[in-house]
């Protein structure tokens, strides 16, 4: 499958428990070292950004974006900076 410049990232407003659950699941089957402390995609250290990275790792592995909590975009999740409401950053 050719992904080109498409990425799967977390939907703004996706339930935090679902994002965390996906991270917990996917980090068992994909490489999540890039979102560990000190790694290149750790900052910003928040659930939406880490879930975006992991969603994209799974998208690359399977060719499918979990559209319950994710969305296809042209933004690289490792560089996916945008203003987030404070409540999403916790």
N, C-alpha and C. Protein backbone atom coordinates (compact mmCIF):
# COMPACT_ATOMS: atom_id res chain seq x y z
N UNK A 1 0.84 -1.19 0.00
CA UNK A 1 0.00 0.00 0.00
C UNK A 1 0.88 1.24 0.00
N UNK A 2 0.54 2.22 -0.80
CA UNK A 2 1.29 3.47 -0.88
C UNK A 2 0.61 4.50 0.00
N UNK A 3 1.34 4.99 1.02
CA UNK A 3 0.78 5.96 1.95
C UNK A 3 1.06 7.38 1.52
N UNK A 4 2.15 7.58 0.79
CA UNK A 4 2.50 8.92 0.37
C UNK A 4 2.64 9.83 1.56
N UNK A 5 1.95 10.94 1.54
CA UNK A 5 2.04 11.91 2.63
C UNK A 5 0.82 11.86 3.54
N UNK A 6 0.11 10.75 3.55
CA UNK A 6 -1.05 10.61 4.44
C UNK A 6 -0.61 10.03 5.78
N UNK A 7 -1.26 10.47 6.83
CA UNK A 7 -0.99 10.03 8.19
C UNK A 7 -2.32 9.80 8.89
N UNK A 8 -2.32 8.92 9.85
CA UNK A 8 -3.49 8.71 10.71
C UNK A 8 -3.18 9.33 12.06
N UNK A 9 -3.99 10.28 12.50
CA UNK A 9 -3.77 10.97 13.76
C UNK A 9 -5.04 10.96 14.60
N UNK A 10 -4.89 11.25 15.88
CA UNK A 10 -6.02 11.26 16.80
C UNK A 10 -6.99 12.40 16.47
N UNK A 11 -8.26 12.09 16.57
CA UNK A 11 -9.29 13.11 16.41
C UNK A 11 -9.29 14.02 17.64
N UNK A 12 -9.39 15.31 17.40
CA UNK A 12 -9.56 16.24 18.51
C UNK A 12 -10.91 15.93 19.16
N UNK A 13 -10.92 15.77 20.45
CA UNK A 13 -12.16 15.46 21.15
C UNK A 13 -12.44 13.98 21.30
N UNK A 14 -11.55 13.13 20.77
CA UNK A 14 -11.73 11.68 20.98
C UNK A 14 -11.66 11.39 22.48
N UNK A 15 -12.45 10.45 22.97
CA UNK A 15 -12.43 10.15 24.40
C UNK A 15 -11.03 9.72 24.86
N UNK A 16 -10.58 10.32 25.95
CA UNK A 16 -9.24 10.04 26.45
C UNK A 16 -9.05 8.58 26.82
N UNK A 17 -10.08 7.94 27.35
CA UNK A 17 -9.93 6.52 27.71
C UNK A 17 -9.73 5.66 26.47
N UNK A 18 -10.37 6.03 25.36
CA UNK A 18 -10.18 5.28 24.11
C UNK A 18 -8.80 5.52 23.52
N UNK A 19 -8.31 6.76 23.62
CA UNK A 19 -6.96 7.05 23.14
C UNK A 19 -5.93 6.26 23.95
N UNK A 20 -6.07 6.29 25.28
CA UNK A 20 -5.13 5.56 26.12
C UNK A 20 -5.22 4.06 25.88
N UNK A 21 -6.42 3.56 25.72
CA UNK A 21 -6.59 2.14 25.43
C UNK A 21 -5.92 1.74 24.13
N UNK A 22 -6.02 2.60 23.13
CA UNK A 22 -5.37 2.29 21.86
C UNK A 22 -3.85 2.31 22.00
N UNK A 23 -3.33 3.28 22.74
CA UNK A 23 -1.89 3.33 22.99
C UNK A 23 -1.44 2.05 23.68
N UNK A 24 -2.18 1.64 24.72
CA UNK A 24 -1.83 0.44 25.46
C UNK A 24 -1.81 -0.80 24.56
N UNK A 25 -2.83 -0.90 23.70
CA UNK A 25 -2.90 -2.03 22.77
C UNK A 25 -1.77 -1.96 21.74
N UNK A 26 -1.70 -0.84 21.03
CA UNK A 26 -0.80 -0.74 19.88
C UNK A 26 0.67 -0.80 20.27
N UNK A 27 1.02 -0.29 21.43
CA UNK A 27 2.43 -0.35 21.84
C UNK A 27 2.86 -1.77 22.15
N UNK A 28 1.92 -2.70 22.15
CA UNK A 28 2.25 -4.11 22.26
C UNK A 28 2.59 -4.73 20.91
N UNK A 29 2.25 -4.03 19.81
CA UNK A 29 2.48 -4.60 18.48
C UNK A 29 3.30 -3.70 17.55
N UNK A 30 3.48 -2.42 17.91
CA UNK A 30 4.30 -1.51 17.11
C UNK A 30 5.38 -0.89 17.99
N UNK A 31 6.37 -0.29 17.37
CA UNK A 31 7.47 0.34 18.08
C UNK A 31 7.05 1.71 18.60
N UNK A 32 6.99 1.85 19.91
CA UNK A 32 6.59 3.11 20.54
C UNK A 32 7.76 3.81 21.22
N UNK A 33 8.98 3.42 20.90
CA UNK A 33 10.13 4.04 21.56
C UNK A 33 10.23 5.54 21.29
N UNK A 34 9.71 6.00 20.16
CA UNK A 34 9.81 7.43 19.80
C UNK A 34 8.97 8.32 20.71
N UNK A 35 8.02 7.76 21.48
CA UNK A 35 7.21 8.59 22.38
C UNK A 35 7.60 8.38 23.84
N UNK A 36 8.75 7.75 24.07
CA UNK A 36 9.27 7.58 25.43
C UNK A 36 10.01 8.85 25.84
N UNK A 37 10.13 9.11 27.15
CA UNK A 37 10.84 10.31 27.61
C UNK A 37 12.23 10.43 26.97
N UNK A 38 12.52 11.62 26.45
CA UNK A 38 13.80 11.90 25.81
C UNK A 38 13.86 11.53 24.34
N UNK A 39 12.87 10.83 23.84
CA UNK A 39 12.85 10.40 22.44
C UNK A 39 12.28 11.53 21.56
N UNK A 40 12.46 11.44 20.24
CA UNK A 40 12.12 12.55 19.35
C UNK A 40 10.64 12.96 19.32
N UNK A 41 9.72 12.06 19.61
CA UNK A 41 8.29 12.41 19.56
C UNK A 41 7.64 12.44 20.94
N UNK A 42 8.45 12.51 22.00
CA UNK A 42 7.88 12.57 23.35
C UNK A 42 7.20 13.90 23.60
N UNK A 43 7.82 14.99 23.15
CA UNK A 43 7.25 16.32 23.34
C UNK A 43 6.42 16.70 22.13
N UNK A 44 5.29 17.29 22.28
CA UNK A 44 4.66 17.61 23.56
C UNK A 44 4.14 16.34 24.23
N UNK A 45 4.34 16.27 25.51
CA UNK A 45 3.97 15.11 26.30
C UNK A 45 2.49 15.17 26.66
N UNK A 46 1.64 14.74 25.74
CA UNK A 46 0.21 14.69 26.04
C UNK A 46 -0.43 13.53 25.29
N UNK A 47 -1.57 13.14 25.73
CA UNK A 47 -2.25 11.96 25.23
C UNK A 47 -2.59 12.05 23.74
N UNK A 48 -3.07 13.19 23.29
CA UNK A 48 -3.46 13.34 21.89
C UNK A 48 -2.26 13.18 20.97
N UNK A 49 -1.14 13.78 21.32
CA UNK A 49 0.04 13.68 20.48
C UNK A 49 0.61 12.27 20.47
N UNK A 50 0.67 11.64 21.63
CA UNK A 50 1.19 10.28 21.69
C UNK A 50 0.26 9.32 20.96
N UNK A 51 -1.05 9.49 21.12
CA UNK A 51 -2.01 8.65 20.40
C UNK A 51 -1.89 8.86 18.90
N UNK A 52 -1.65 10.09 18.47
CA UNK A 52 -1.48 10.36 17.04
C UNK A 52 -0.29 9.59 16.49
N UNK A 53 0.81 9.61 17.22
CA UNK A 53 1.99 8.87 16.77
C UNK A 53 1.68 7.38 16.67
N UNK A 54 1.05 6.83 17.70
CA UNK A 54 0.76 5.39 17.73
C UNK A 54 -0.28 5.01 16.68
N UNK A 55 -1.30 5.82 16.51
CA UNK A 55 -2.29 5.56 15.46
C UNK A 55 -1.60 5.47 14.10
N UNK A 56 -0.66 6.36 13.86
CA UNK A 56 0.03 6.34 12.58
C UNK A 56 0.93 5.13 12.44
N UNK A 57 1.59 4.71 13.52
CA UNK A 57 2.41 3.50 13.47
C UNK A 57 1.54 2.30 13.08
N UNK A 58 0.37 2.21 13.68
CA UNK A 58 -0.54 1.10 13.37
C UNK A 58 -1.07 1.23 11.94
N UNK A 59 -1.33 2.45 11.49
CA UNK A 59 -1.76 2.70 10.11
C UNK A 59 -0.70 2.21 9.12
N UNK A 60 0.55 2.49 9.40
CA UNK A 60 1.65 2.03 8.55
C UNK A 60 1.75 0.51 8.55
N UNK A 61 1.47 -0.09 9.70
CA UNK A 61 1.59 -1.54 9.82
C UNK A 61 0.45 -2.26 9.11
N UNK A 62 -0.79 -1.77 9.29
CA UNK A 62 -1.96 -2.50 8.80
C UNK A 62 -2.59 -1.90 7.55
N UNK A 63 -2.32 -0.61 7.29
CA UNK A 63 -2.98 0.06 6.18
C UNK A 63 -4.35 0.58 6.53
N UNK A 64 -4.71 0.51 7.82
CA UNK A 64 -6.03 0.94 8.26
C UNK A 64 -5.91 1.94 9.40
N UNK A 65 -6.66 3.03 9.31
CA UNK A 65 -6.71 4.04 10.37
C UNK A 65 -7.95 3.75 11.22
N UNK A 66 -7.78 3.69 12.52
CA UNK A 66 -8.90 3.47 13.44
C UNK A 66 -9.76 4.73 13.44
N UNK A 67 -10.79 4.75 12.62
CA UNK A 67 -11.60 5.95 12.44
C UNK A 67 -12.55 6.23 13.60
N UNK A 68 -12.59 5.35 14.60
CA UNK A 68 -13.35 5.66 15.82
C UNK A 68 -12.67 6.77 16.61
N UNK A 69 -11.33 6.81 16.54
CA UNK A 69 -10.57 7.81 17.30
C UNK A 69 -9.57 8.56 16.44
N UNK A 70 -9.41 8.14 15.18
CA UNK A 70 -8.41 8.75 14.31
C UNK A 70 -9.01 9.34 13.05
N UNK A 71 -8.17 10.06 12.34
CA UNK A 71 -8.56 10.68 11.08
C UNK A 71 -7.32 10.71 10.18
N UNK A 72 -7.53 10.60 8.88
CA UNK A 72 -6.44 10.70 7.92
C UNK A 72 -6.14 12.17 7.66
N UNK A 73 -4.85 12.52 7.67
CA UNK A 73 -4.43 13.90 7.45
C UNK A 73 -3.14 13.91 6.66
N UNK A 74 -2.67 15.08 6.29
CA UNK A 74 -1.37 15.22 5.62
C UNK A 74 -0.30 15.68 6.61
N UNK A 75 -0.65 15.79 7.91
CA UNK A 75 0.28 16.25 8.93
C UNK A 75 1.01 15.09 9.60
N UNK A 76 2.32 15.13 9.62
CA UNK A 76 3.16 14.15 10.27
C UNK A 76 2.89 14.19 11.78
N UNK A 77 2.50 13.07 12.41
CA UNK A 77 2.16 13.10 13.83
C UNK A 77 3.36 13.41 14.73
N UNK A 78 4.55 13.23 14.24
CA UNK A 78 5.74 13.56 15.03
C UNK A 78 6.00 15.06 15.01
N UNK A 79 5.36 15.75 14.10
CA UNK A 79 5.49 17.20 14.00
C UNK A 79 4.10 17.85 13.99
N UNK A 80 3.15 17.20 14.62
CA UNK A 80 1.74 17.60 14.55
C UNK A 80 1.43 18.58 15.68
N UNK A 81 1.89 19.81 15.53
CA UNK A 81 1.68 20.81 16.56
C UNK A 81 0.52 21.71 16.16
N UNK A 82 -0.38 21.92 17.09
CA UNK A 82 -1.50 22.82 16.87
C UNK A 82 -1.98 23.25 18.24
N UNK A 83 -2.66 24.36 18.33
CA UNK A 83 -3.13 24.78 19.66
C UNK A 83 -4.20 23.82 20.15
N UNK A 84 -3.99 23.28 21.32
CA UNK A 84 -4.96 22.36 21.91
C UNK A 84 -5.61 23.01 23.11
N UNK A 85 -6.90 22.78 23.29
CA UNK A 85 -7.53 23.26 24.52
C UNK A 85 -6.82 22.62 25.72
N UNK A 86 -6.69 23.36 26.80
CA UNK A 86 -5.97 22.91 27.99
C UNK A 86 -6.46 21.54 28.47
N UNK A 87 -7.77 21.29 28.44
CA UNK A 87 -8.29 20.03 28.96
C UNK A 87 -7.83 18.83 28.15
N UNK A 88 -7.41 19.01 26.90
CA UNK A 88 -6.92 17.91 26.10
C UNK A 88 -5.45 17.59 26.38
N UNK A 89 -4.75 18.48 27.04
CA UNK A 89 -3.34 18.31 27.28
C UNK A 89 -3.03 17.53 28.54
N UNK A 90 -4.02 17.23 29.32
CA UNK A 90 -3.75 16.53 30.58
C UNK A 90 -3.65 15.05 30.39
